[in-house]
Amino acid sequence: MKENWKATGGYGTVGLELALSVLFGFFGGRALDNWLGTGPWLAVIGLGFGIATAIRFLYRALQRANAEAEKHEQAEKASRGKYHDDHDTESPD
């Protein structure tokens, strides 16, 4: 049960990472626009970098989830195999 809560906490931050990366990119670019007087261009570029970073976070989270699911599946297969090995009885001839 402890592992389930740990996994939930790990994946619960994905939404926060996505939102913060987009907001940080946009507002960082906007601050640079105000400081340099370049108009909306750096805000748009910052937004693009923020979205790219958000996609990277999402991709890494999906990879981690797939690896954990595969590991869990392998452990389940091994336990099923062990159960069948322990409970298979051949009828005597």
PDB file of N, CA and C in Angstrom:
ATOM      1  N   MET A   1       0.823  -1.190   0.000  1.00  0.00           N
ATOM      2  CA  MET A   1       0.000   0.000   0.000  1.00  0.00           C
ATOM      3  C   MET A   1       0.867   1.252   0.000  1.00  0.00           C
ATOM      4  N   LYS A   2       1.981   1.179   0.702  1.00  0.00           N
ATOM      5  CA  LYS A   2       2.875   2.335   0.779  1.00  0.00           C
ATOM      6  C   LYS A   2       3.419   2.704  -0.599  1.00  0.00           C
ATOM      7  N   GLU A   3       3.687   1.683  -1.422  1.00  0.00           N
ATOM      8  CA  GLU A   3       4.193   1.937  -2.769  1.00  0.00           C
ATOM      9  C   GLU A   3       3.163   2.676  -3.615  1.00  0.00           C
ATOM     10  N   ASN A   4       1.870   2.358  -3.427  1.00  0.00           N
ATOM     11  CA  ASN A   4       0.822   3.035  -4.199  1.00  0.00           C
ATOM     12  C   ASN A   4       0.783   4.525  -3.874  1.00  0.00           C
ATOM     13  N   TRP A   5       0.892   4.869  -2.605  1.00  0.00           N
ATOM     14  CA  TRP A   5       0.881   6.283  -2.221  1.00  0.00           C
ATOM     15  C   TRP A   5       2.125   6.988  -2.726  1.00  0.00           C
ATOM     16  N   LYS A   6       3.243   6.283  -2.705  1.00  0.00           N
ATOM     17  CA  LYS A   6       4.490   6.865  -3.200  1.00  0.00           C
ATOM     18  C   LYS A   6       4.384   7.153  -4.700  1.00  0.00           C
ATOM     19  N   ALA A   7       3.813   6.231  -5.451  1.00  0.00           N
ATOM     20  CA  ALA A   7       3.633   6.424  -6.894  1.00  0.00           C
ATOM     21  C   ALA A   7       2.662   7.561  -7.166  1.00  0.00           C
ATOM     22  N   THR A   8       1.606   7.649  -6.366  1.00  0.00           N
ATOM     23  CA  THR A   8       0.625   8.716  -6.549  1.00  0.00           C
ATOM     24  C   THR A   8       1.281  10.077  -6.332  1.00  0.00           C
ATOM     25  N   GLY A   9       2.119  10.169  -5.326  1.00  0.00           N
ATOM     26  CA  GLY A   9       2.820  11.426  -5.072  1.00  0.00           C
ATOM     27  C   GLY A   9       3.763  11.779  -6.204  1.00  0.00           C
ATOM     28  N   GLY A  10       4.427  10.790  -6.753  1.00  0.00           N
ATOM     29  CA  GLY A  10       5.347  11.036  -7.857  1.00  0.00           C
ATOM     30  C   GLY A  10       4.654  11.516  -9.110  1.00  0.00           C
ATOM     31  N   TYR A  11       3.478  10.959  -9.385  1.00  0.00           N
ATOM     32  CA  TYR A  11       2.754  11.354 -10.588  1.00  0.00           C
ATOM     33  C   TYR A  11       1.832  12.538 -10.340  1.00  0.00           C
ATOM     34  N   GLY A  12       1.573  12.826  -9.102  1.00  0.00           N
ATOM     35  CA  GLY A  12       0.741  13.971  -8.768  1.00  0.00           C
ATOM     36  C   GLY A  12       1.409  15.290  -9.082  1.00  0.00           C
ATOM     37  N   THR A  13       2.713  15.280  -9.167  1.00  0.00           N
ATOM     38  CA  THR A  13       3.452  16.506  -9.461  1.00  0.00           C
ATOM     39  C   THR A  13       3.539  16.802 -10.954  1.00  0.00           C
ATOM     40  N   VAL A  14       3.121  15.867 -11.789  1.00  0.00           N
ATOM     41  CA  VAL A  14       3.235  16.064 -13.240  1.00  0.00           C
ATOM     42  C   VAL A  14       2.436  17.278 -13.689  1.00  0.00           C
ATOM     43  N   GLY A  15       1.215  17.410 -13.221  1.00  0.00           N
ATOM     44  CA  GLY A  15       0.388  18.561 -13.598  1.00  0.00           C
ATOM     45  C   GLY A  15       1.003  19.864 -13.157  1.00  0.00           C
ATOM     46  N   LEU A  16       1.570  19.867 -11.959  1.00  0.00           N
ATOM     47  CA  LEU A  16       2.234  21.063 -11.452  1.00  0.00           C
ATOM     48  C   LEU A  16       3.457  21.405 -12.301  1.00  0.00           C
ATOM     49  N   GLU A  17       4.235  20.402 -12.677  1.00  0.00           N
ATOM     50  CA  GLU A  17       5.402  20.632 -13.528  1.00  0.00           C
ATOM     51  C   GLU A  17       4.996  21.193 -14.884  1.00  0.00           C
ATOM     52  N   LEU A  18       3.915  20.653 -15.454  1.00  0.00           N
ATOM     53  CA  LEU A  18       3.446  21.136 -16.752  1.00  0.00           C
ATOM     54  C   LEU A  18       3.034  22.599 -16.667  1.00  0.00           C
ATOM     55  N   ALA A  19       2.213  22.912 -15.689  1.00  0.00           N
ATOM     56  CA  ALA A  19       1.717  24.285 -15.562  1.00  0.00           C
ATOM     57  C   ALA A  19       2.848  25.265 -15.264  1.00  0.00           C
ATOM     58  N   LEU A  20       3.722  24.907 -14.344  1.00  0.00           N
ATOM     59  CA  LEU A  20       4.797  25.829 -13.974  1.00  0.00           C
ATOM     60  C   LEU A  20       5.787  26.057 -15.107  1.00  0.00           C
ATOM     61  N   SER A  21       6.075  25.030 -15.885  1.00  0.00           N
ATOM     62  CA  SER A  21       7.031  25.222 -16.978  1.00  0.00           C
ATOM     63  C   SER A  21       6.462  26.167 -18.035  1.00  0.00           C
ATOM     64  N   VAL A  22       5.173  26.031 -18.361  1.00  0.00           N
ATOM     65  CA  VAL A  22       4.560  26.923 -19.346  1.00  0.00           C
ATOM     66  C   VAL A  22       4.484  28.346 -18.794  1.00  0.00           C
ATOM     67  N   LEU A  23       4.048  28.489 -17.554  1.00  0.00           N
ATOM     68  CA  LEU A  23       3.930  29.822 -16.959  1.00  0.00           C
ATOM     69  C   LEU A  23       5.290  30.490 -16.789  1.00  0.00           C
ATOM     70  N   PHE A  24       6.271  29.725 -16.353  1.00  0.00           N
ATOM     71  CA  PHE A  24       7.614  30.289 -16.179  1.00  0.00           C
ATOM     72  C   PHE A  24       8.178  30.754 -17.521  1.00  0.00           C
ATOM     73  N   GLY A  25       8.002  29.950 -18.556  1.00  0.00           N
ATOM     74  CA  GLY A  25       8.496  30.346 -19.876  1.00  0.00           C
ATOM     75  C   GLY A  25       7.828  31.610 -20.377  1.00  0.00           C
ATOM     76  N   PHE A  26       6.493  31.676 -20.253  1.00  0.00           N
ATOM     77  CA  PHE A  26       5.773  32.841 -20.743  1.00  0.00           C
ATOM     78  C   PHE A  26       6.117  34.095 -19.948  1.00  0.00           C
ATOM     79  N   PHE A  27       6.013  34.021 -18.621  1.00  0.00           N
ATOM     80  CA  PHE A  27       6.256  35.222 -17.813  1.00  0.00           C
ATOM     81  C   PHE A  27       7.730  35.620 -17.782  1.00  0.00           C
ATOM     82  N   GLY A  28       8.618  34.641 -17.927  1.00  0.00           N
ATOM     83  CA  GLY A  28      10.036  34.978 -18.053  1.00  0.00           C
ATOM     84  C   GLY A  28      10.302  35.746 -19.339  1.00  0.00           C
ATOM     85  N   GLY A  29       9.708  35.289 -20.437  1.00  0.00           N
ATOM     86  CA  GLY A  29       9.841  35.995 -21.712  1.00  0.00           C
ATOM     87  C   GLY A  29       9.200  37.371 -21.667  1.00  0.00           C
ATOM     88  N   ARG A  30       8.079  37.458 -20.990  1.00  0.00           N
ATOM     89  CA  ARG A  30       7.391  38.745 -20.863  1.00  0.00           C
ATOM     90  C   ARG A  30       8.224  39.744 -20.049  1.00  0.00           C
ATOM     91  N   ALA A  31       8.854  39.255 -18.988  1.00  0.00           N
ATOM     92  CA  ALA A  31       9.716  40.127 -18.183  1.00  0.00           C
ATOM     93  C   ALA A  31      10.900  40.620 -19.018  1.00  0.00           C
ATOM     94  N   LEU A  32      11.464  39.731 -19.820  1.00  0.00           N
ATOM     95  CA  LEU A  32      12.568  40.142 -20.692  1.00  0.00           C
ATOM     96  C   LEU A  32      12.090  41.139 -21.751  1.00  0.00           C
ATOM     97  N   ASP A  33      10.870  40.940 -22.256  1.00  0.00           N
ATOM     98  CA  ASP A  33      10.306  41.901 -23.214  1.00  0.00           C
ATOM     99  C   ASP A  33      10.185  43.285 -22.583  1.00  0.00           C
ATOM    100  N   ASN A  34       9.690  43.335 -21.365  1.00  0.00           N
ATOM    101  CA  ASN A  34       9.556  44.631 -20.679  1.00  0.00           C
ATOM    102  C   ASN A  34      10.914  45.268 -20.425  1.00  0.00           C
ATOM    103  N   TRP A  35      11.884  44.462 -20.077  1.00  0.00           N
ATOM    104  CA  TRP A  35      13.217  44.980 -19.759  1.00  0.00           C
ATOM    105  C   TRP A  35      13.949  45.437 -21.025  1.00  0.00           C
ATOM    106  N   LEU A  36      13.829  44.662 -22.097  1.00  0.00           N
ATOM    107  CA  LEU A  36      14.559  44.966 -23.326  1.00  0.00           C
ATOM    108  C   LEU A  36      13.727  45.770 -24.328  1.00  0.00           C
ATOM    109  N   GLY A  37      12.424  45.866 -24.121  1.00  0.00           N
ATOM    110  CA  GLY A  37      11.557  46.594 -25.040  1.00  0.00           C
ATOM    111  C   GLY A  37      11.439  45.928 -26.393  1.00  0.00           C
ATOM    112  N   THR A  38      11.354  44.610 -26.413  1.00  0.00           N
ATOM    113  CA  THR A  38      11.318  43.871 -27.677  1.00  0.00           C
ATOM    114  C   THR A  38       9.919  43.474 -28.115  1.00  0.00           C
ATOM    115  N   GLY A  39       8.903  43.939 -27.418  1.00  0.00           N
ATOM    116  CA  GLY A  39       7.543  43.582 -27.821  1.00  0.00           C
ATOM    117  C   GLY A  39       7.196  42.186 -27.354  1.00  0.00           C
ATOM    118  N   PRO A  40       6.269  41.547 -28.017  1.00  0.00           N
ATOM    119  CA  PRO A  40       5.806  40.244 -27.520  1.00  0.00           C
ATOM    120  C   PRO A  40       6.683  39.061 -27.935  1.00  0.00           C
ATOM    121  N   TRP A  41       7.788  39.314 -28.624  1.00  0.00           N
ATOM    122  CA  TRP A  41       8.537  38.202 -29.217  1.00  0.00           C
ATOM    123  C   TRP A  41       9.172  37.278 -28.181  1.00  0.00           C
ATOM    124  N   LEU A  42       9.764  37.819 -27.165  1.00  0.00           N
ATOM    125  CA  LEU A  42      10.403  36.954 -26.172  1.00  0.00           C
ATOM    126  C   LEU A  42       9.363  36.209 -25.334  1.00  0.00           C
ATOM    127  N   ALA A  43       8.191  36.809 -25.149  1.00  0.00           N
ATOM    128  CA  ALA A  43       7.120  36.100 -24.440  1.00  0.00           C
ATOM    129  C   ALA A  43       6.660  34.900 -25.260  1.00  0.00           C
ATOM    130  N   VAL A  44       6.546  35.080 -26.565  1.00  0.00           N
ATOM    131  CA  VAL A  44       6.135  33.968 -27.437  1.00  0.00           C
ATOM    132  C   VAL A  44       7.213  32.890 -27.458  1.00  0.00           C
ATOM    133  N   ILE A  45       8.459  33.307 -27.542  1.00  0.00           N
ATOM    134  CA  ILE A  45       9.565  32.333 -27.533  1.00  0.00           C
ATOM    135  C   ILE A  45       9.624  31.616 -26.187  1.00  0.00           C
ATOM    136  N   GLY A  46       9.460  32.363 -25.103  1.00  0.00           N
ATOM    137  CA  GLY A  46       9.446  31.751 -23.769  1.00  0.00           C
ATOM    138  C   GLY A  46       8.296  30.770 -23.617  1.00  0.00           C
ATOM    139  N   LEU A  47       7.135  31.120 -24.158  1.00  0.00           N
ATOM    140  CA  LEU A  47       5.996  30.217 -24.124  1.00  0.00           C
ATOM    141  C   LEU A  47       6.313  28.932 -24.895  1.00  0.00           C
ATOM    142  N   GLY A  48       6.954  29.071 -26.048  1.00  0.00           N
ATOM    143  CA  GLY A  48       7.351  27.889 -26.827  1.00  0.00           C
ATOM    144  C   GLY A  48       8.313  26.999 -26.059  1.00  0.00           C
ATOM    145  N   PHE A  49       9.304  27.603 -25.408  1.00  0.00           N
ATOM    146  CA  PHE A  49      10.233  26.820 -24.595  1.00  0.00           C
ATOM    147  C   PHE A  49       9.515  26.180 -23.407  1.00  0.00           C
ATOM    148  N   GLY A  50       8.571  26.899 -22.817  1.00  0.00           N
ATOM    149  CA  GLY A  50       7.800  26.340 -21.710  1.00  0.00           C
ATOM    150  C   GLY A  50       6.972  25.141 -22.133  1.00  0.00           C
ATOM    151  N   ILE A  51       6.348  25.234 -23.289  1.00  0.00           N
ATOM    152  CA  ILE A  51       5.557  24.114 -23.806  1.00  0.00           C
ATOM    153  C   ILE A  51       6.462  22.927 -24.126  1.00  0.00           C
ATOM    154  N   ALA A  52       7.622  23.209 -24.719  1.00  0.00           N
ATOM    155  CA  ALA A  52       8.566  22.128 -25.024  1.00  0.00           C
ATOM    156  C   ALA A  52       9.045  21.444 -23.738  1.00  0.00           C
ATOM    157  N   THR A  53       9.287  22.225 -22.713  1.00  0.00           N
ATOM    158  CA  THR A  53       9.699  21.656 -21.435  1.00  0.00           C
ATOM    159  C   THR A  53       8.570  20.835 -20.822  1.00  0.00           C
ATOM    160  N   ALA A  54       7.346  21.305 -20.936  1.00  0.00           N
ATOM    161  CA  ALA A  54       6.199  20.568 -20.411  1.00  0.00           C
ATOM    162  C   ALA A  54       6.052  19.229 -21.128  1.00  0.00           C
ATOM    163  N   ILE A  55       6.233  19.225 -22.428  1.00  0.00           N
ATOM    164  CA  ILE A  55       6.158  17.979 -23.196  1.00  0.00           C
ATOM    165  C   ILE A  55       7.261  17.026 -22.762  1.00  0.00           C
ATOM    166  N   ARG A  56       8.437  17.552 -22.499  1.00  0.00           N
ATOM    167  CA  ARG A  56       9.556  16.720 -22.030  1.00  0.00           C
ATOM    168  C   ARG A  56       9.231  16.108 -20.673  1.00  0.00           C
ATOM    169  N   PHE A  57       8.675  16.894 -19.757  1.00  0.00           N
ATOM    170  CA  PHE A  57       8.265  16.364 -18.450  1.00  0.00           C
ATOM    171  C   PHE A  57       7.236  15.256 -18.617  1.00  0.00           C
ATOM    172  N   LEU A  58       6.264  15.467 -19.479  1.00  0.00           N
ATOM    173  CA  LEU A  58       5.221  14.478 -19.698  1.00  0.00           C
ATOM    174  C   LEU A  58       5.790  13.199 -20.299  1.00  0.00           C
ATOM    175  N   TYR A  59       6.682  13.332 -21.256  1.00  0.00           N
ATOM    176  CA  TYR A  59       7.312  12.173 -21.883  1.00  0.00           C
ATOM    177  C   TYR A  59       8.101  11.354 -20.864  1.00  0.00           C
ATOM    178  N   ARG A  60       8.863  12.041 -20.011  1.00  0.00           N
ATOM    179  CA  ARG A  60       9.645  11.337 -18.993  1.00  0.00           C
ATOM    180  C   ARG A  60       8.742  10.647 -17.975  1.00  0.00           C
ATOM    181  N   ALA A  61       7.632  11.283 -17.610  1.00  0.00           N
ATOM    182  CA  ALA A  61       6.689  10.660 -16.674  1.00  0.00           C
ATOM    183  C   ALA A  61       6.066   9.413 -17.296  1.00  0.00           C
ATOM    184  N   LEU A  62       5.735   9.478 -18.582  1.00  0.00           N
ATOM    185  CA  LEU A  62       5.173   8.309 -19.264  1.00  0.00           C
ATOM    186  C   LEU A  62       6.181   7.175 -19.359  1.00  0.00           C
ATOM    187  N   GLN A  63       7.432   7.512 -19.624  1.00  0.00           N
ATOM    188  CA  GLN A  63       8.476   6.482 -19.656  1.00  0.00           C
ATOM    189  C   GLN A  63       8.610   5.810 -18.288  1.00  0.00           C
ATOM    190  N   ARG A  64       8.605   6.610 -17.233  1.00  0.00           N
ATOM    191  CA  ARG A  64       8.729   6.081 -15.874  1.00  0.00           C
ATOM    192  C   ARG A  64       7.523   5.197 -15.538  1.00  0.00           C
ATOM    193  N   ALA A  65       6.330   5.632 -15.928  1.00  0.00           N
ATOM    194  CA  ALA A  65       5.123   4.841 -15.661  1.00  0.00           C
ATOM    195  C   ALA A  65       5.155   3.519 -16.420  1.00  0.00           C
ATOM    196  N   ASN A  66       5.591   3.552 -17.670  1.00  0.00           N
ATOM    197  CA  ASN A  66       5.685   2.320 -18.457  1.00  0.00           C
ATOM    198  C   ASN A  66       6.708   1.359 -17.868  1.00  0.00           C
ATOM    199  N   ALA A  67       7.843   1.886 -17.417  1.00  0.00           N
ATOM    200  CA  ALA A  67       8.867   1.033 -16.817  1.00  0.00           C
ATOM    201  C   ALA A  67       8.349   0.398 -15.527  1.00  0.00           C
ATOM    202  N   GLU A  68       7.640   1.170 -14.720  1.00  0.00           N
ATOM    203  CA  GLU A  68       7.079   0.619 -13.482  1.00  0.00           C
ATOM    204  C   GLU A  68       6.004  -0.420 -13.770  1.00  0.00           C
ATOM    205  N   ALA A  69       5.185  -0.173 -14.778  1.00  0.00           N
ATOM    206  CA  ALA A  69       4.140  -1.134 -15.139  1.00  0.00           C
ATOM    207  C   ALA A  69       4.755  -2.430 -15.652  1.00  0.00           C
ATOM    208  N   GLU A  70       5.802  -2.313 -16.442  1.00  0.00           N
ATOM    209  CA  GLU A  70       6.478  -3.499 -16.958  1.00  0.00           C
ATOM    210  C   GLU A  70       7.129  -4.290 -15.823  1.00  0.00           C
ATOM    211  N   LYS A  71       7.735  -3.589 -14.890  1.00  0.00           N
ATOM    212  CA  LYS A  71       8.362  -4.239 -13.739  1.00  0.00           C
ATOM    213  C   LYS A  71       7.308  -4.969 -12.907  1.00  0.00           C
ATOM    214  N   HIS A  72       6.163  -4.317 -12.693  1.00  0.00           N
ATOM    215  CA  HIS A  72       5.076  -4.934 -11.939  1.00  0.00           C
ATOM    216  C   HIS A  72       4.534  -6.162 -12.673  1.00  0.00           C
ATOM    217  N   GLU A  73       4.408  -6.062 -13.985  1.00  0.00           N
ATOM    218  CA  GLU A  73       3.912  -7.183 -14.778  1.00  0.00           C
ATOM    219  C   GLU A  73       4.872  -8.366 -14.720  1.00  0.00           C
ATOM    220  N   GLN A  74       6.167  -8.093 -14.792  1.00  0.00           N
ATOM    221  CA  GLN A  74       7.154  -9.170 -14.710  1.00  0.00           C
ATOM    222  C   GLN A  74       7.097  -9.857 -13.347  1.00  0.00           C
ATOM    223  N   ALA A  75       6.950  -9.066 -12.285  1.00  0.00           N
ATOM    224  CA  ALA A  75       6.862  -9.645 -10.947  1.00  0.00           C
ATOM    225  C   ALA A  75       5.596 -10.487 -10.811  1.00  0.00           C
ATOM    226  N   GLU A  76       4.510 -10.025 -11.394  1.00  0.00           N
ATOM    227  CA  GLU A  76       3.249 -10.777 -11.345  1.00  0.00           C
ATOM    228  C   GLU A  76       3.367 -12.082 -12.116  1.00  0.00           C
ATOM    229  N   LYS A  77       4.006 -12.038 -13.292  1.00  0.00           N
ATOM    230  CA  LYS A  77       4.208 -13.263 -14.073  1.00  0.00           C
ATOM    231  C   LYS A  77       5.060 -14.256 -13.305  1.00  0.00           C
ATOM    232  N   ALA A  78       6.105 -13.755 -12.653  1.00  0.00           N
ATOM    233  CA  ALA A  78       6.981 -14.632 -11.893  1.00  0.00           C
ATOM    234  C   ALA A  78       6.231 -15.271 -10.724  1.00  0.00           C
ATOM    235  N   SER A  79       5.391 -14.503 -10.058  1.00  0.00           N
ATOM    236  CA  SER A  79       4.643 -15.078  -8.933  1.00  0.00           C
ATOM    237  C   SER A  79       3.605 -16.080  -9.433  1.00  0.00           C
ATOM    238  N   ARG A  80       2.986 -15.807 -10.589  1.00  0.00           N
ATOM    239  CA  ARG A  80       2.043 -16.766 -11.155  1.00  0.00           C
ATOM    240  C   ARG A  80       2.756 -18.057 -11.542  1.00  0.00           C
ATOM    241  N   GLY A  81       3.934 -17.913 -12.137  1.00  0.00           N
ATOM    242  CA  GLY A  81       4.702 -19.094 -12.518  1.00  0.00           C
ATOM    243  C   GLY A  81       5.105 -19.905 -11.309  1.00  0.00           C
ATOM    244  N   LYS A  82       5.502 -19.229 -10.245  1.00  0.00           N
ATOM    245  CA  LYS A  82       5.893 -19.928  -9.021  1.00  0.00           C
ATOM    246  C   LYS A  82       4.692 -20.640  -8.420  1.00  0.00           C
ATOM    247  N   TYR A  83       3.536 -19.995  -8.434  1.00  0.00           N
ATOM    248  CA  TYR A  83       2.320 -20.615  -7.906  1.00  0.00           C
ATOM    249  C   TYR A  83       1.991 -21.885  -8.687  1.00  0.00           C
ATOM    250  N   HIS A  84       2.059 -21.793 -10.011  1.00  0.00           N
ATOM    251  CA  HIS A  84       1.740 -22.967 -10.830  1.00  0.00           C
ATOM    252  C   HIS A  84       2.772 -24.064 -10.651  1.00  0.00           C
ATOM    253  N   ASP A  85       4.035 -23.684 -10.483  1.00  0.00           N
ATOM    254  CA  ASP A  85       5.068 -24.693 -10.243  1.00  0.00           C
ATOM    255  C   ASP A  85       4.837 -25.408  -8.921  1.00  0.00           C
ATOM    256  N   ASP A  86       4.402 -24.663  -7.903  1.00  0.00           N
ATOM    257  CA  ASP A  86       4.177 -25.250  -6.583  1.00  0.00           C
ATOM    258  C   ASP A  86       2.909 -26.097  -6.539  1.00  0.00           C
ATOM    259  N   HIS A  87       1.903 -25.780  -7.359  1.00  0.00           N
ATOM    260  CA  HIS A  87       0.619 -26.447  -7.270  1.00  0.00           C
ATOM    261  C   HIS A  87       0.338 -27.422  -8.412  1.00  0.00           C
ATOM    262  N   ASP A  88       1.237 -27.527  -9.352  1.00  0.00           N
ATOM    263  CA  ASP A  88       1.044 -28.505 -10.408  1.00  0.00           C
ATOM    264  C   ASP A  88       1.389 -29.886  -9.860  1.00  0.00           C
ATOM    265  N   THR A  89       0.477 -30.762  -9.957  1.00  0.00           N
ATOM    266  CA  THR A  89       0.737 -32.142  -9.536  1.00  0.00           C
ATOM    267  C   THR A  89       0.436 -33.041 -10.720  1.00  0.00           C
ATOM    268  N   GLU A  90       1.332 -33.899 -10.920  1.00  0.00           N
ATOM    269  CA  GLU A  90       1.123 -34.867 -11.989  1.00  0.00           C
ATOM    270  C   GLU A  90       0.431 -36.073 -11.416  1.00  0.00           C
ATOM    271  N   SER A  91      -0.531 -36.578 -12.141  1.00  0.00           N
ATOM    272  CA  SER A  91      -1.215 -37.771 -11.645  1.00  0.00           C
ATOM    273  C   SER A  91      -0.307 -38.976 -11.808  1.00  0.00           C
ATOM    274  N   PRO A  92      -0.224 -39.794 -10.780  1.00  0.00           N
ATOM    275  CA  PRO A  92       0.661 -40.970 -10.881  1.00  0.00           C
ATOM    276  C   PRO A  92       0.116 -41.972 -11.900  1.00  0.00           C
ATOM    277  N   ASP A  93       1.019 -42.570 -12.621  1.00  0.00           N
ATOM    278  CA  ASP A  93       0.630 -43.571 -13.644  1.00  0.00           C
ATOM    279  C   ASP A  93       0.553 -44.929 -13.071  1.00  0.00           C
TER     280      ASP A  93
END
